[in-house]
């Protein structure tokens, strides 16, 4: 082993604003010490960080010539119950496939994430 994962970091134009979205989505807690350029939240022991990137450009999804770069899978009990809640937080539905295990959404600035469920 070389090291341990400390954080997953999101580029964004407003770290505090995007951190707020993920705090509500994941029931996370914001760590003290953030500023206009860097905010960290903790969800189930996992750190998500948000760093200032004034020139941020969201991935295009779906895009046959590119990729979504990275995304989070968010486990939910019932997608029909969870979907209206994430849309109310500011997410948007990107892809509702025939796959019965996940749906793809974009956060308020375009990072993709999936709601996944087991049954």
PDB file of N, CA and C in Angstrom:
ATOM      1  N   UNK A   1       0.847  -1.180   0.000  1.00  0.00           N
ATOM      2  CA  UNK A   1       0.000   0.000   0.000  1.00  0.00           C
ATOM      3  C   UNK A   1       0.891   1.242   0.000  1.00  0.00           C
ATOM      4  N   UNK A   2       0.524   2.202  -0.799  1.00  0.00           N
ATOM      5  CA  UNK A   2       1.256   3.466  -0.861  1.00  0.00           C
ATOM      6  C   UNK A   2       0.694   4.467   0.130  1.00  0.00           C
ATOM      7  N   UNK A   3      -0.623   4.516   0.245  1.00  0.00           N
ATOM      8  CA  UNK A   3      -1.255   5.485   1.132  1.00  0.00           C
ATOM      9  C   UNK A   3      -2.722   5.177   1.301  1.00  0.00           C
ATOM     10  N   UNK A   4      -3.425   6.052   1.988  1.00  0.00           N
ATOM     11  CA  UNK A   4      -4.856   5.904   2.228  1.00  0.00           C
ATOM     12  C   UNK A   4      -5.601   7.104   1.666  1.00  0.00           C
ATOM     13  N   UNK A   5      -6.778   6.845   1.144  1.00  0.00           N
ATOM     14  CA  UNK A   5      -7.601   7.930   0.612  1.00  0.00           C
ATOM     15  C   UNK A   5      -8.004   8.867   1.743  1.00  0.00           C
ATOM     16  N   UNK A   6      -7.724  10.142   1.563  1.00  0.00           N
ATOM     17  CA  UNK A   6      -8.114  11.142   2.562  1.00  0.00           C
ATOM     18  C   UNK A   6      -9.419  11.814   2.182  1.00  0.00           C
ATOM     19  N   UNK A   7      -9.535  12.292   0.944  1.00  0.00           N
ATOM     20  CA  UNK A   7     -10.719  13.033   0.516  1.00  0.00           C
ATOM     21  C   UNK A   7     -10.974  12.812  -0.967  1.00  0.00           C
ATOM     22  N   UNK A   8     -12.213  12.952  -1.354  1.00  0.00           N
ATOM     23  CA  UNK A   8     -12.587  13.108  -2.751  1.00  0.00           C
ATOM     24  C   UNK A   8     -12.832  14.602  -2.908  1.00  0.00           C
ATOM     25  N   UNK A   9     -12.202  15.222  -3.903  1.00  0.00           N
ATOM     26  CA  UNK A   9     -12.226  16.676  -4.037  1.00  0.00           C
ATOM     27  C   UNK A   9     -12.975  17.074  -5.314  1.00  0.00           C
ATOM     28  N   UNK A  10     -13.898  18.009  -5.166  1.00  0.00           N
ATOM     29  CA  UNK A  10     -14.673  18.538  -6.286  1.00  0.00           C
ATOM     30  C   UNK A  10     -14.193  19.947  -6.616  1.00  0.00           C
ATOM     31  N   UNK A  11     -13.879  20.195  -7.873  1.00  0.00           N
ATOM     32  CA  UNK A  11     -13.659  21.565  -8.342  1.00  0.00           C
ATOM     33  C   UNK A  11     -15.021  22.233  -8.471  1.00  0.00           C
ATOM     34  N   UNK A  12     -15.086  23.525  -8.148  1.00  0.00           N
ATOM     35  CA  UNK A  12     -16.359  24.239  -8.256  1.00  0.00           C
ATOM     36  C   UNK A  12     -16.127  25.743  -8.143  1.00  0.00           C
ATOM     37  N   UNK A  13     -17.063  26.539  -8.641  1.00  0.00           N
ATOM     38  CA  UNK A  13     -16.905  27.988  -8.556  1.00  0.00           C
ATOM     39  C   UNK A  13     -17.253  28.564  -7.186  1.00  0.00           C
ATOM     40  N   UNK A  14     -17.997  27.822  -6.351  1.00  0.00           N
ATOM     41  CA  UNK A  14     -18.381  28.305  -5.025  1.00  0.00           C
ATOM     42  C   UNK A  14     -18.370  27.121  -4.046  1.00  0.00           C
ATOM     43  N   UNK A  15     -17.234  26.871  -3.374  1.00  0.00           N
ATOM     44  CA  UNK A  15     -17.125  25.706  -2.498  1.00  0.00           C
ATOM     45  C   UNK A  15     -18.188  25.629  -1.406  1.00  0.00           C
ATOM     46  N   UNK A  16     -18.513  26.730  -0.768  1.00  0.00           N
ATOM     47  CA  UNK A  16     -19.490  26.694   0.313  1.00  0.00           C
ATOM     48  C   UNK A  16     -20.874  26.288  -0.194  1.00  0.00           C
ATOM     49  N   UNK A  17     -21.256  26.824  -1.330  1.00  0.00           N
ATOM     50  CA  UNK A  17     -22.568  26.533  -1.898  1.00  0.00           C
ATOM     51  C   UNK A  17     -22.691  25.062  -2.295  1.00  0.00           C
ATOM     52  N   UNK A  18     -21.678  24.523  -2.970  1.00  0.00           N
ATOM     53  CA  UNK A  18     -21.755  23.130  -3.385  1.00  0.00           C
ATOM     54  C   UNK A  18     -21.646  22.200  -2.176  1.00  0.00           C
ATOM     55  N   UNK A  19     -20.844  22.559  -1.188  1.00  0.00           N
ATOM     56  CA  UNK A  19     -20.762  21.759   0.036  1.00  0.00           C
ATOM     57  C   UNK A  19     -22.134  21.682   0.710  1.00  0.00           C
ATOM     58  N   UNK A  20     -22.881  22.768   0.708  1.00  0.00           N
ATOM     59  CA  UNK A  20     -24.219  22.778   1.301  1.00  0.00           C
ATOM     60  C   UNK A  20     -25.137  21.771   0.620  1.00  0.00           C
ATOM     61  N   UNK A  21     -25.070  21.705  -0.717  1.00  0.00           N
ATOM     62  CA  UNK A  21     -25.877  20.729  -1.459  1.00  0.00           C
ATOM     63  C   UNK A  21     -25.560  19.313  -0.973  1.00  0.00           C
ATOM     64  N   UNK A  22     -24.274  18.974  -0.910  1.00  0.00           N
ATOM     65  CA  UNK A  22     -23.885  17.622  -0.514  1.00  0.00           C
ATOM     66  C   UNK A  22     -24.122  17.358   0.972  1.00  0.00           C
ATOM     67  N   UNK A  23     -24.057  18.377   1.807  1.00  0.00           N
ATOM     68  CA  UNK A  23     -24.414  18.199   3.220  1.00  0.00           C
ATOM     69  C   UNK A  23     -25.859  17.717   3.333  1.00  0.00           C
ATOM     70  N   UNK A  24     -26.745  18.345   2.585  1.00  0.00           N
ATOM     71  CA  UNK A  24     -28.161  17.993   2.627  1.00  0.00           C
ATOM     72  C   UNK A  24     -28.417  16.651   1.956  1.00  0.00           C
ATOM     73  N   UNK A  25     -27.755  16.389   0.847  1.00  0.00           N
ATOM     74  CA  UNK A  25     -27.933  15.132   0.124  1.00  0.00           C
ATOM     75  C   UNK A  25     -27.502  13.944   0.976  1.00  0.00           C
ATOM     76  N   UNK A  26     -26.375  14.074   1.661  1.00  0.00           N
ATOM     77  CA  UNK A  26     -25.774  12.947   2.366  1.00  0.00           C
ATOM     78  C   UNK A  26     -25.937  12.984   3.887  1.00  0.00           C
ATOM     79  N   UNK A  27     -26.552  14.029   4.415  1.00  0.00           N
ATOM     80  CA  UNK A  27     -26.641  14.161   5.866  1.00  0.00           C
ATOM     81  C   UNK A  27     -25.259  14.342   6.473  1.00  0.00           C
ATOM     82  N   UNK A  28     -24.428  15.098   5.798  1.00  0.00           N
ATOM     83  CA  UNK A  28     -23.031  15.287   6.201  1.00  0.00           C
ATOM     84  C   UNK A  28     -22.881  16.453   7.165  1.00  0.00           C
ATOM     85  N   UNK A  29     -21.689  16.540   7.719  1.00  0.00           N
ATOM     86  CA  UNK A  29     -21.353  17.615   8.656  1.00  0.00           C
ATOM     87  C   UNK A  29     -20.150  18.385   8.114  1.00  0.00           C
ATOM     88  N   UNK A  30     -20.231  19.698   8.162  1.00  0.00           N
ATOM     89  CA  UNK A  30     -19.133  20.544   7.686  1.00  0.00           C
ATOM     90  C   UNK A  30     -18.056  20.651   8.755  1.00  0.00           C
ATOM     91  N   UNK A  31     -16.801  20.506   8.335  1.00  0.00           N
ATOM     92  CA  UNK A  31     -15.692  20.681   9.263  1.00  0.00           C
ATOM     93  C   UNK A  31     -15.346  22.155   9.399  1.00  0.00           C
ATOM     94  N   UNK A  32     -14.914  22.547  10.570  1.00  0.00           N
ATOM     95  CA  UNK A  32     -14.479  23.925  10.810  1.00  0.00           C
ATOM     96  C   UNK A  32     -13.195  24.195  10.028  1.00  0.00           C
ATOM     97  N   UNK A  33     -12.952  25.448   9.747  1.00  0.00           N
ATOM     98  CA  UNK A  33     -11.701  25.845   9.115  1.00  0.00           C
ATOM     99  C   UNK A  33     -11.776  26.087   7.627  1.00  0.00           C
ATOM    100  N   UNK A  34     -12.947  25.940   7.037  1.00  0.00           N
ATOM    101  CA  UNK A  34     -13.078  26.208   5.609  1.00  0.00           C
ATOM    102  C   UNK A  34     -13.017  27.701   5.329  1.00  0.00           C
ATOM    103  N   UNK A  35     -12.853  28.033   4.052  1.00  0.00           N
ATOM    104  CA  UNK A  35     -12.861  29.433   3.641  1.00  0.00           C
ATOM    105  C   UNK A  35     -13.468  29.530   2.243  1.00  0.00           C
ATOM    106  N   UNK A  36     -13.255  30.638   1.576  1.00  0.00           N
ATOM    107  CA  UNK A  36     -13.845  30.828   0.244  1.00  0.00           C
ATOM    108  C   UNK A  36     -13.239  29.913  -0.815  1.00  0.00           C
ATOM    109  N   UNK A  37     -12.114  29.294  -0.507  1.00  0.00           N
ATOM    110  CA  UNK A  37     -11.422  28.477  -1.506  1.00  0.00           C
ATOM    111  C   UNK A  37     -11.463  26.985  -1.206  1.00  0.00           C
ATOM    112  N   UNK A  38     -11.874  26.593   0.007  1.00  0.00           N
ATOM    113  CA  UNK A  38     -11.777  25.177   0.399  1.00  0.00           C
ATOM    114  C   UNK A  38     -12.763  24.886   1.522  1.00  0.00           C
ATOM    115  N   UNK A  39     -13.639  23.891   1.323  1.00  0.00           N
ATOM    116  CA  UNK A  39     -14.601  23.459   2.343  1.00  0.00           C
ATOM    117  C   UNK A  39     -14.574  21.934   2.380  1.00  0.00           C
ATOM    118  N   UNK A  40     -14.644  21.365   3.587  1.00  0.00           N
ATOM    119  CA  UNK A  40     -14.660  19.907   3.755  1.00  0.00           C
ATOM    120  C   UNK A  40     -15.901  19.512   4.540  1.00  0.00           C
ATOM    121  N   UNK A  41     -16.564  18.454   4.069  1.00  0.00           N
ATOM    122  CA  UNK A  41     -17.667  17.853   4.806  1.00  0.00           C
ATOM    123  C   UNK A  41     -17.322  16.388   5.061  1.00  0.00           C
ATOM    124  N   UNK A  42     -17.987  15.809   6.058  1.00  0.00           N
ATOM    125  CA  UNK A  42     -17.792  14.392   6.371  1.00  0.00           C
ATOM    126  C   UNK A  42     -19.150  13.716   6.365  1.00  0.00           C
ATOM    127  N   UNK A  43     -19.247  12.634   5.578  1.00  0.00           N
ATOM    128  CA  UNK A  43     -20.468  11.847   5.478  1.00  0.00           C
ATOM    129  C   UNK A  43     -20.118  10.388   5.738  1.00  0.00           C
ATOM    130  N   UNK A  44     -20.669   9.835   6.778  1.00  0.00           N
ATOM    131  CA  UNK A  44     -20.387   8.432   7.136  1.00  0.00           C
ATOM    132  C   UNK A  44     -18.899   8.154   7.224  1.00  0.00           C
ATOM    133  N   UNK A  45     -18.151   9.080   7.777  1.00  0.00           N
ATOM    134  CA  UNK A  45     -16.715   8.899   7.947  1.00  0.00           C
ATOM    135  C   UNK A  45     -15.886   9.211   6.715  1.00  0.00           C
ATOM    136  N   UNK A  46     -16.521   9.551   5.607  1.00  0.00           N
ATOM    137  CA  UNK A  46     -15.824   9.853   4.359  1.00  0.00           C
ATOM    138  C   UNK A  46     -15.769  11.361   4.144  1.00  0.00           C
ATOM    139  N   UNK A  47     -14.588  11.859   3.776  1.00  0.00           N
ATOM    140  CA  UNK A  47     -14.404  13.291   3.541  1.00  0.00           C
ATOM    141  C   UNK A  47     -14.667  13.627   2.077  1.00  0.00           C
ATOM    142  N   UNK A  48     -15.472  14.657   1.867  1.00  0.00           N
ATOM    143  CA  UNK A  48     -15.639  15.263   0.548  1.00  0.00           C
ATOM    144  C   UNK A  48     -15.168  16.699   0.683  1.00  0.00           C
ATOM    145  N   UNK A  49     -14.314  17.118  -0.220  1.00  0.00           N
ATOM    146  CA  UNK A  49     -13.788  18.478  -0.180  1.00  0.00           C
ATOM    147  C   UNK A  49     -14.208  19.212  -1.447  1.00  0.00           C
ATOM    148  N   UNK A  50     -14.332  20.521  -1.330  1.00  0.00           N
ATOM    149  CA  UNK A  50     -14.777  21.372  -2.429  1.00  0.00           C
ATOM    150  C   UNK A  50     -13.778  22.507  -2.542  1.00  0.00           C
ATOM    151  N   UNK A  51     -13.113  22.578  -3.708  1.00  0.00           N
ATOM    152  CA  UNK A  51     -12.080  23.595  -3.877  1.00  0.00           C
ATOM    153  C   UNK A  51     -12.464  24.567  -4.978  1.00  0.00           C
ATOM    154  N   UNK A  52     -12.081  25.812  -4.766  1.00  0.00           N
ATOM    155  CA  UNK A  52     -12.390  26.877  -5.711  1.00  0.00           C
ATOM    156  C   UNK A  52     -11.704  26.632  -7.050  1.00  0.00           C
ATOM    157  N   UNK A  53     -12.512  26.695  -8.094  1.00  0.00           N
ATOM    158  CA  UNK A  53     -12.026  26.604  -9.464  1.00  0.00           C
ATOM    159  C   UNK A  53     -12.866  27.593 -10.281  1.00  0.00           C
ATOM    160  N   UNK A  54     -12.419  28.843 -10.384  1.00  0.00           N
ATOM    161  CA  UNK A  54     -13.232  29.866 -11.050  1.00  0.00           C
ATOM    162  C   UNK A  54     -13.579  29.533 -12.504  1.00  0.00           C
ATOM    163  N   UNK A  55     -12.745  28.756 -13.176  1.00  0.00           N
ATOM    164  CA  UNK A  55     -12.981  28.417 -14.583  1.00  0.00           C
ATOM    165  C   UNK A  55     -13.612  27.042 -14.753  1.00  0.00           C
ATOM    166  N   UNK A  56     -14.262  26.527 -13.722  1.00  0.00           N
ATOM    167  CA  UNK A  56     -14.865  25.190 -13.759  1.00  0.00           C
ATOM    168  C   UNK A  56     -15.799  25.035 -14.954  1.00  0.00           C
ATOM    169  N   UNK A  57     -15.658  23.921 -15.653  1.00  0.00           N
ATOM    170  CA  UNK A  57     -16.555  23.543 -16.742  1.00  0.00           C
ATOM    171  C   UNK A  57     -17.084  22.149 -16.436  1.00  0.00           C
ATOM    172  N   UNK A  58     -18.390  21.971 -16.334  1.00  0.00           N
ATOM    173  CA  UNK A  58     -18.928  20.655 -15.988  1.00  0.00           C
ATOM    174  C   UNK A  58     -18.739  19.651 -17.117  1.00  0.00           C
ATOM    175  N   UNK A  59     -18.669  18.359 -16.772  1.00  0.00           N
ATOM    176  CA  UNK A  59     -18.611  17.349 -17.822  1.00  0.00           C
ATOM    177  C   UNK A  59     -19.932  17.316 -18.575  1.00  0.00           C
ATOM    178  N   UNK A  60     -19.894  16.863 -19.793  1.00  0.00           N
ATOM    179  CA  UNK A  60     -21.111  16.669 -20.581  1.00  0.00           C
ATOM    180  C   UNK A  60     -21.512  15.211 -20.421  1.00  0.00           C
ATOM    181  N   UNK A  61     -22.744  14.971 -20.052  1.00  0.00           N
ATOM    182  CA  UNK A  61     -23.204  13.603 -19.870  1.00  0.00           C
ATOM    183  C   UNK A  61     -24.634  13.475 -20.343  1.00  0.00           C
ATOM    184  N   UNK A  62     -24.944  12.444 -21.083  1.00  0.00           N
ATOM    185  CA  UNK A  62     -23.989  11.501 -21.658  1.00  0.00           C
ATOM    186  C   UNK A  62     -23.294  12.096 -22.868  1.00  0.00           C
ATOM    187  N   UNK A  63     -22.041  11.744 -23.050  1.00  0.00           N
ATOM    188  CA  UNK A  63     -21.241  12.231 -24.163  1.00  0.00           C
ATOM    189  C   UNK A  63     -20.421  11.066 -24.714  1.00  0.00           C
ATOM    190  N   UNK A  64     -20.719  10.616 -25.926  1.00  0.00           N
ATOM    191  CA  UNK A  64     -19.984   9.465 -26.464  1.00  0.00           C
ATOM    192  C   UNK A  64     -18.505   9.758 -26.715  1.00  0.00           C
ATOM    193  N   UNK A  65     -18.113  11.030 -26.711  1.00  0.00           N
ATOM    194  CA  UNK A  65     -16.725  11.393 -26.986  1.00  0.00           C
ATOM    195  C   UNK A  65     -15.963  11.817 -25.727  1.00  0.00           C
ATOM    196  N   UNK A  66     -16.631  11.789 -24.593  1.00  0.00           N
ATOM    197  CA  UNK A  66     -15.989  12.204 -23.348  1.00  0.00           C
ATOM    198  C   UNK A  66     -16.448  11.301 -22.225  1.00  0.00           C
ATOM    199  N   UNK A  67     -16.214  11.724 -21.026  1.00  0.00           N
ATOM    200  CA  UNK A  67     -16.651  10.935 -19.886  1.00  0.00           C
ATOM    201  C   UNK A  67     -17.159  11.863 -18.793  1.00  0.00           C
ATOM    202  N   UNK A  68     -17.787  11.264 -17.801  1.00  0.00           N
ATOM    203  CA  UNK A  68     -18.252  12.063 -16.675  1.00  0.00           C
ATOM    204  C   UNK A  68     -17.128  12.306 -15.678  1.00  0.00           C
ATOM    205  N   UNK A  69     -15.938  11.825 -15.955  1.00  0.00           N
ATOM    206  CA  UNK A  69     -14.717  12.040 -15.179  1.00  0.00           C
ATOM    207  C   UNK A  69     -14.731  11.261 -13.877  1.00  0.00           C
ATOM    208  N   UNK A  70     -15.634  11.534 -12.994  1.00  0.00           N
ATOM    209  CA  UNK A  70     -15.787  10.825 -11.733  1.00  0.00           C
ATOM    210  C   UNK A  70     -17.208  11.068 -11.260  1.00  0.00           C
ATOM    211  N   UNK A  71     -17.765  10.134 -10.511  1.00  0.00           N
ATOM    212  CA  UNK A  71     -19.096  10.365  -9.957  1.00  0.00           C
ATOM    213  C   UNK A  71     -19.241   9.600  -8.656  1.00  0.00           C
ATOM    214  N   UNK A  72     -20.238   9.975  -7.862  1.00  0.00           N
ATOM    215  CA  UNK A  72     -20.556   9.299  -6.618  1.00  0.00           C
ATOM    216  C   UNK A  72     -21.772   8.412  -6.820  1.00  0.00           C
ATOM    217  N   UNK A  73     -21.767   7.250  -6.194  1.00  0.00           N
ATOM    218  CA  UNK A  73     -22.957   6.411  -6.105  1.00  0.00           C
ATOM    219  C   UNK A  73     -23.525   6.595  -4.710  1.00  0.00           C
ATOM    220  N   UNK A  74     -24.769   7.057  -4.638  1.00  0.00           N
ATOM    221  CA  UNK A  74     -25.432   7.322  -3.364  1.00  0.00           C
ATOM    222  C   UNK A  74     -26.500   6.246  -3.158  1.00  0.00           C
ATOM    223  N   UNK A  75     -26.302   5.400  -2.147  1.00  0.00           N
ATOM    224  CA  UNK A  75     -27.215   4.307  -1.860  1.00  0.00           C
ATOM    225  C   UNK A  75     -28.475   4.837  -1.184  1.00  0.00           C
ATOM    226  N   UNK A  76     -29.638   4.474  -1.735  1.00  0.00           N
ATOM    227  CA  UNK A  76     -30.931   4.869  -1.160  1.00  0.00           C
ATOM    228  C   UNK A  76     -31.798   3.622  -0.992  1.00  0.00           C
ATOM    229  N   UNK A  77     -32.761   3.702  -0.085  1.00  0.00           N
ATOM    230  CA  UNK A  77     -33.691   2.588   0.109  1.00  0.00           C
ATOM    231  C   UNK A  77     -34.744   2.549  -0.992  1.00  0.00           C
ATOM    232  N   UNK A  78     -35.267   3.715  -1.361  1.00  0.00           N
ATOM    233  CA  UNK A  78     -36.365   3.794  -2.325  1.00  0.00           C
ATOM    234  C   UNK A  78     -36.129   4.991  -3.237  1.00  0.00           C
ATOM    235  N   UNK A  79     -35.821   4.725  -4.490  1.00  0.00           N
ATOM    236  CA  UNK A  79     -35.500   5.817  -5.422  1.00  0.00           C
ATOM    237  C   UNK A  79     -36.709   6.711  -5.676  1.00  0.00           C
ATOM    238  N   UNK A  80     -37.902   6.149  -5.653  1.00  0.00           N
ATOM    239  CA  UNK A  80     -39.091   6.959  -5.904  1.00  0.00           C
ATOM    240  C   UNK A  80     -39.319   7.961  -4.774  1.00  0.00           C
ATOM    241  N   UNK A  81     -38.870   7.627  -3.590  1.00  0.00           N
ATOM    242  CA  UNK A  81     -38.950   8.554  -2.456  1.00  0.00           C
ATOM    243  C   UNK A  81     -37.776   9.536  -2.477  1.00  0.00           C
ATOM    244  N   UNK A  82     -36.598   9.065  -2.849  1.00  0.00           N
ATOM    245  CA  UNK A  82     -35.388   9.897  -2.827  1.00  0.00           C
ATOM    246  C   UNK A  82     -35.357  10.907  -3.973  1.00  0.00           C
ATOM    247  N   UNK A  83     -35.840  10.528  -5.139  1.00  0.00           N
ATOM    248  CA  UNK A  83     -35.725  11.409  -6.306  1.00  0.00           C
ATOM    249  C   UNK A  83     -36.342  12.791  -6.093  1.00  0.00           C
ATOM    250  N   UNK A  84     -37.575  12.913  -5.616  1.00  0.00           N
ATOM    251  CA  UNK A  84     -38.120  14.260  -5.424  1.00  0.00           C
ATOM    252  C   UNK A  84     -37.301  15.098  -4.446  1.00  0.00           C
ATOM    253  N   UNK A  85     -36.708  14.434  -3.470  1.00  0.00           N
ATOM    254  CA  UNK A  85     -35.905  15.153  -2.477  1.00  0.00           C
ATOM    255  C   UNK A  85     -34.624  15.705  -3.101  1.00  0.00           C
ATOM    256  N   UNK A  86     -33.940  14.914  -3.947  1.00  0.00           N
ATOM    257  CA  UNK A  86     -32.713  15.435  -4.560  1.00  0.00           C
ATOM    258  C   UNK A  86     -33.024  16.511  -5.588  1.00  0.00           C
ATOM    259  N   UNK A  87     -34.152  16.387  -6.274  1.00  0.00           N
ATOM    260  CA  UNK A  87     -34.540  17.430  -7.225  1.00  0.00           C
ATOM    261  C   UNK A  87     -34.853  18.732  -6.494  1.00  0.00           C
ATOM    262  N   UNK A  88     -35.487  18.625  -5.335  1.00  0.00           N
ATOM    263  CA  UNK A  88     -35.796  19.806  -4.522  1.00  0.00           C
ATOM    264  C   UNK A  88     -34.521  20.497  -4.028  1.00  0.00           C
ATOM    265  N   UNK A  89     -33.457  19.719  -3.797  1.00  0.00           N
ATOM    266  CA  UNK A  89     -32.175  20.281  -3.359  1.00  0.00           C
ATOM    267  C   UNK A  89     -31.442  21.023  -4.480  1.00  0.00           C
ATOM    268  N   UNK A  90     -31.864  20.789  -5.728  1.00  0.00           N
ATOM    269  CA  UNK A  90     -31.225  21.473  -6.844  1.00  0.00           C
ATOM    270  C   UNK A  90     -30.572  20.561  -7.856  1.00  0.00           C
ATOM    271  N   UNK A  91     -30.664  19.253  -7.648  1.00  0.00           N
ATOM    272  CA  UNK A  91     -30.137  18.307  -8.640  1.00  0.00           C
ATOM    273  C   UNK A  91     -31.093  18.258  -9.825  1.00  0.00           C
ATOM    274  N   UNK A  92     -30.599  17.689 -10.923  1.00  0.00           N
ATOM    275  CA  UNK A  92     -31.489  17.460 -12.066  1.00  0.00           C
ATOM    276  C   UNK A  92     -31.265  16.043 -12.585  1.00  0.00           C
ATOM    277  N   UNK A  93     -32.341  15.423 -13.033  1.00  0.00           N
ATOM    278  CA  UNK A  93     -32.268  14.084 -13.596  1.00  0.00           C
ATOM    279  C   UNK A  93     -31.580  14.159 -14.942  1.00  0.00           C
ATOM    280  N   UNK A  94     -30.574  13.324 -15.141  1.00  0.00           N
ATOM    281  CA  UNK A  94     -29.827  13.305 -16.395  1.00  0.00           C
ATOM    282  C   UNK A  94     -30.187  12.080 -17.220  1.00  0.00           C
ATOM    283  N   UNK A  95     -30.343  10.942 -16.552  1.00  0.00           N
ATOM    284  CA  UNK A  95     -30.614   9.705 -17.287  1.00  0.00           C
ATOM    285  C   UNK A  95     -31.407   8.742 -16.420  1.00  0.00           C
ATOM    286  N   UNK A  96     -32.561   8.357 -16.925  1.00  0.00           N
ATOM    287  CA  UNK A  96     -33.385   7.358 -16.249  1.00  0.00           C
ATOM    288  C   UNK A  96     -33.428   6.156 -17.174  1.00  0.00           C
ATOM    289  N   UNK A  97     -32.425   5.310 -17.045  1.00  0.00           N
ATOM    290  CA  UNK A  97     -32.261   4.155 -17.915  1.00  0.00           C
ATOM    291  C   UNK A  97     -33.297   3.082 -17.645  1.00  0.00           C
ATOM    292  N   UNK A  98     -33.233   2.073 -18.476  1.00  0.00           N
ATOM    293  CA  UNK A  98     -34.026   0.883 -18.235  1.00  0.00           C
ATOM    294  C   UNK A  98     -33.407   0.046 -17.125  1.00  0.00           C
ATOM    295  N   UNK A  99     -32.177   0.391 -16.752  1.00  0.00           N
ATOM    296  CA  UNK A  99     -31.518  -0.322 -15.662  1.00  0.00           C
ATOM    297  C   UNK A  99     -32.320  -0.099 -14.393  1.00  0.00           C
ATOM    298  N   UNK A 100     -32.620  -1.132 -13.690  1.00  0.00           N
ATOM    299  CA  UNK A 100     -33.463  -0.981 -12.504  1.00  0.00           C
ATOM    300  C   UNK A 100     -32.677  -0.799 -11.219  1.00  0.00           C
ATOM    301  N   UNK A 101     -31.391  -0.471 -11.303  1.00  0.00           N
ATOM    302  CA  UNK A 101     -30.559  -0.342 -10.111  1.00  0.00           C
ATOM    303  C   UNK A 101     -29.990   1.060  -9.904  1.00  0.00           C
ATOM    304  N   UNK A 102     -30.092   1.953 -10.868  1.00  0.00           N
ATOM    305  CA  UNK A 102     -29.525   3.283 -10.683  1.00  0.00           C
ATOM    306  C   UNK A 102     -30.189   4.298 -11.592  1.00  0.00           C
ATOM    307  N   UNK A 103     -30.084   5.586 -11.200  1.00  0.00           N
ATOM    308  CA  UNK A 103     -30.469   6.734 -12.026  1.00  0.00           C
ATOM    309  C   UNK A 103     -29.365   7.762 -11.900  1.00  0.00           C
ATOM    310  N   UNK A 104     -29.119   8.482 -12.996  1.00  0.00           N
ATOM    311  CA  UNK A 104     -28.029   9.465 -13.033  1.00  0.00           C
ATOM    312  C   UNK A 104     -28.609  10.875 -12.891  1.00  0.00           C
ATOM    313  N   UNK A 105     -27.975  11.660 -12.026  1.00  0.00           N
ATOM    314  CA  UNK A 105     -28.367  13.047 -11.763  1.00  0.00           C
ATOM    315  C   UNK A 105     -27.137  13.931 -11.900  1.00  0.00           C
ATOM    316  N   UNK A 106     -27.360  15.220 -11.974  1.00  0.00           N
ATOM    317  CA  UNK A 106     -26.273  16.197 -11.917  1.00  0.00           C
ATOM    318  C   UNK A 106     -26.533  17.099 -10.720  1.00  0.00           C
ATOM    319  N   UNK A 107     -25.465  17.429  -9.997  1.00  0.00           N
ATOM    320  CA  UNK A 107     -25.603  18.367  -8.889  1.00  0.00           C
ATOM    321  C   UNK A 107     -25.838  19.765  -9.465  1.00  0.00           C
ATOM    322  N   UNK A 108     -26.022  20.787  -8.642  1.00  0.00           N
ATOM    323  CA  UNK A 108     -26.355  22.119  -9.170  1.00  0.00           C
ATOM    324  C   UNK A 108     -25.352  22.716 -10.156  1.00  0.00           C
ATOM    325  N   UNK A 109     -24.105  22.221 -10.181  1.00  0.00           N
ATOM    326  CA  UNK A 109     -23.151  22.772 -11.153  1.00  0.00           C
ATOM    327  C   UNK A 109     -22.690  21.740 -12.170  1.00  0.00           C
ATOM    328  N   UNK A 110     -23.322  20.566 -12.201  1.00  0.00           N
ATOM    329  CA  UNK A 110     -23.079  19.616 -13.282  1.00  0.00           C
ATOM    330  C   UNK A 110     -22.278  18.367 -12.981  1.00  0.00           C
ATOM    331  N   UNK A 111     -21.738  18.198 -11.760  1.00  0.00           N
ATOM    332  CA  UNK A 111     -21.085  16.928 -11.434  1.00  0.00           C
ATOM    333  C   UNK A 111     -22.158  15.849 -11.409  1.00  0.00           C
ATOM    334  N   UNK A 112     -21.892  14.719 -12.042  1.00  0.00           N
ATOM    335  CA  UNK A 112     -22.879  13.651 -12.031  1.00  0.00           C
ATOM    336  C   UNK A 112     -22.750  12.793 -10.782  1.00  0.00           C
ATOM    337  N   UNK A 113     -23.897  12.252 -10.359  1.00  0.00           N
ATOM    338  CA  UNK A 113     -23.939  11.258  -9.292  1.00  0.00           C
ATOM    339  C   UNK A 113     -25.121  10.346  -9.573  1.00  0.00           C
ATOM    340  N   UNK A 114     -25.085   9.152  -8.996  1.00  0.00           N
ATOM    341  CA  UNK A 114     -26.164   8.200  -9.199  1.00  0.00           C
ATOM    342  C   UNK A 114     -26.853   7.904  -7.885  1.00  0.00           C
ATOM    343  N   UNK A 115     -28.166   7.762  -7.947  1.00  0.00           N
ATOM    344  CA  UNK A 115     -28.895   7.138  -6.854  1.00  0.00           C
ATOM    345  C   UNK A 115     -28.940   5.664  -7.210  1.00  0.00           C
ATOM    346  N   UNK A 116     -28.497   4.819  -6.292  1.00  0.00           N
ATOM    347  CA  UNK A 116     -28.482   3.372  -6.509  1.00  0.00           C
ATOM    348  C   UNK A 116     -29.273   2.704  -5.393  1.00  0.00           C
ATOM    349  N   UNK A 117     -29.860   1.590  -5.707  1.00  0.00           N
ATOM    350  CA  UNK A 117     -30.631   0.839  -4.723  1.00  0.00           C
ATOM    351  C   UNK A 117     -30.457  -0.640  -5.003  1.00  0.00           C
ATOM    352  N   UNK A 118     -30.771  -1.461  -4.012  1.00  0.00           N
ATOM    353  CA  UNK A 118     -30.511  -2.888  -4.118  1.00  0.00           C
ATOM    354  C   UNK A 118     -31.716  -3.706  -4.551  1.00  0.00           C
ATOM    355  N   UNK A 119     -32.913  -3.172  -4.386  1.00  0.00           N
ATOM    356  CA  UNK A 119     -34.078  -3.955  -4.815  1.00  0.00           C
ATOM    357  C   UNK A 119     -35.175  -3.060  -5.325  1.00  0.00           C
TER     358      UNK A 119
END
